[in-house]
Protein backbone atom coordinates (compact mmCIF):
# COMPACT_ATOMS: atom_id res chain seq x y z
CA MET A 1 21.65 -4.17 7.85
CA LYS A 2 17.97 -4.80 7.82
CA LEU A 3 15.04 -3.36 6.81
CA LYS A 4 12.88 -1.73 9.48
CA HIS A 5 10.28 -0.04 7.35
CA VAL A 6 9.12 2.29 4.39
CA TYR A 7 6.48 5.12 5.12
CA LEU A 8 4.52 6.97 2.56
CA THR A 9 3.87 11.00 2.90
CA ALA A 10 0.48 12.18 3.15
CA PRO A 11 -1.13 15.61 3.39
CA GLU A 12 -3.29 13.44 5.55
CA PRO A 13 -2.14 10.68 7.18
CA GLU A 14 -5.32 10.54 9.05
CA ALA A 15 -7.76 10.17 6.34
CA LEU A 16 -5.18 7.87 4.23
CA ALA A 17 -4.81 5.60 7.08
CA ARG A 18 -8.63 4.69 6.89
CA PHE A 19 -7.57 3.68 3.23
CA TYR A 20 -5.19 1.24 4.21
CA GLU A 21 -7.37 0.19 6.94
CA ALA A 22 -10.48 -0.38 4.79
CA LEU A 23 -7.77 -2.93 2.79
CA GLY A 24 -7.13 -5.07 6.06
CA LEU A 25 -3.99 -3.39 7.40
CA THR A 26 -4.21 -2.78 11.43
CA ILE A 27 -2.48 0.15 12.87
CA ARG A 28 0.09 -0.80 15.40
CA PHE A 29 0.60 3.01 16.26
CA ALA A 30 -0.64 6.70 15.79
CA ASP A 31 0.90 9.78 16.59
CA ARG A 32 -2.10 12.59 16.27
CA GLY A 33 -1.88 13.05 12.52
CA LYS A 34 2.07 13.38 12.69
CA TRP A 35 2.86 9.73 11.66
CA ILE A 36 0.75 6.43 11.63
CA GLN A 37 2.61 2.90 11.29
CA PHE A 38 1.13 -0.73 10.16
CA VAL A 39 1.26 -4.11 11.75
CA GLY A 40 3.80 -5.57 9.39
CA ASP A 41 5.50 -9.11 9.64
CA LYS A 42 9.45 -8.27 8.99
CA ALA A 43 9.07 -4.80 8.52
CA ALA A 44 6.43 -2.01 8.81
CA PHE A 45 4.32 0.19 6.64
CA CYS A 46 3.86 3.56 7.97
CA LEU A 47 2.37 7.25 6.79
CA ALA A 48 3.91 10.42 7.57
CA SER A 49 2.59 14.40 7.28
CA PRO A 50 4.56 16.61 5.72
CA ALA A 51 6.29 18.08 8.74
CA GLU A 52 7.68 14.48 9.65
CA SER A 53 8.71 12.97 6.12
CA VAL A 54 11.87 13.80 4.37
CA SER A 55 10.59 12.92 0.78
CA GLU A 56 8.16 14.40 -1.75
CA GLN A 57 4.89 12.61 -1.67
CA SER A 58 4.72 10.44 -4.65
CA ARG A 59 8.08 10.72 -5.72
CA ASN A 60 10.49 7.91 -5.24
CA ALA A 61 9.49 4.70 -3.70
CA VAL A 62 6.36 2.08 -4.60
CA VAL A 63 4.72 0.19 -2.08
CA VAL A 64 4.38 -3.19 -2.94
CA PHE A 65 1.72 -5.03 -1.46
CA GLU A 66 0.66 -8.76 -1.67
CA VAL A 67 -3.04 -9.87 -1.78
CA GLU A 68 -4.10 -13.28 -2.34
CA ASP A 69 -7.05 -11.95 -5.06
CA MET A 70 -6.50 -9.31 -6.88
CA ASP A 71 -9.69 -9.17 -8.18
CA ALA A 72 -10.88 -8.35 -4.63
CA ALA A 73 -8.47 -6.32 -3.61
CA LEU A 74 -8.64 -3.73 -6.38
CA GLU A 75 -12.60 -4.00 -6.09
CA ARG A 76 -11.81 -3.13 -2.24
CA ALA A 77 -9.74 -0.33 -3.05
CA ARG A 78 -12.08 1.29 -5.55
CA ALA A 79 -14.95 0.86 -3.22
CA GLU A 80 -12.79 3.47 -0.66
CA GLY A 81 -11.04 5.73 -3.47
CA ALA A 82 -8.11 4.09 -5.35
CA GLU A 83 -7.73 4.69 -8.93
CA LEU A 84 -6.30 2.03 -11.07
CA VAL A 85 -3.92 3.19 -13.56
CA GLY A 86 -3.74 1.21 -16.63
CA GLU A 87 -4.50 -2.89 -16.79
CA VAL A 88 -3.82 -5.54 -14.57
CA ARG A 89 -0.57 -6.96 -15.77
CA GLU A 90 -0.14 -10.63 -16.12
CA MET A 91 3.47 -12.61 -16.07
CA GLY A 92 2.53 -15.86 -16.64
CA ALA A 93 4.49 -17.94 -14.23
CA HIS A 94 5.36 -15.70 -11.65
CA GLY A 95 2.11 -13.73 -11.08
CA ARG A 96 -0.20 -10.52 -11.72
CA VAL A 97 0.34 -7.12 -11.24
CA ALA A 98 -1.77 -3.87 -10.82
CA HIS A 99 -0.43 -0.24 -10.66
CA LEU A 100 -2.56 2.44 -8.63
CA LYS A 101 -2.99 5.57 -6.80
CA ASP A 102 -4.49 5.24 -3.63
CA PRO A 103 -6.81 8.81 -2.14
CA GLN A 104 -4.20 11.12 -1.94
CA ARG A 105 -2.19 10.38 -5.06
CA ASN A 106 0.48 7.72 -3.43
CA THR A 107 1.76 4.91 -5.92
CA ILE A 108 1.14 1.87 -4.91
CA GLN A 109 0.96 -1.48 -6.45
CA PHE A 110 -0.86 -4.85 -5.77
CA PHE A 111 0.91 -8.18 -6.45
CA GLN A 112 -0.85 -11.71 -6.76
CA ALA A 113 1.49 -14.96 -6.77
CA VAL A 114 0.82 -17.37 -9.11
CA VAL A 115 -0.54 -20.51 -6.74
CA LYS A 116 0.94 -23.69 -7.55
CA LYS A 117 -0.59 -26.81 -7.54
CA GLY A 118 0.51 -29.87 -5.38
CA VAL A 119 3.21 -27.80 -3.42
């Protein structure tokens, strides 16, 4: 078994797609406001309209995006309408994580790994 894709349910997928595009994702496929799929390495991240989805919005999975620069990613996300929930959590040698609500109130996280020097 392998992971194919993960999607968020969004009442306005096209509007939410603009948010994720502004954060740096690229759309691979779009089906007129029902389904939007972004380019992914091993698995895809997608947005689905309520009519296409089998899940309630913001009810279960949390999508975690790895970022190179947490502060820059948070600044860009806030400028596009995201809300930081709480503080950025420092996890020592593991990295940093931030909990956000995207513009349509889906729960997401940003993760920044610690860069190991000399590796």
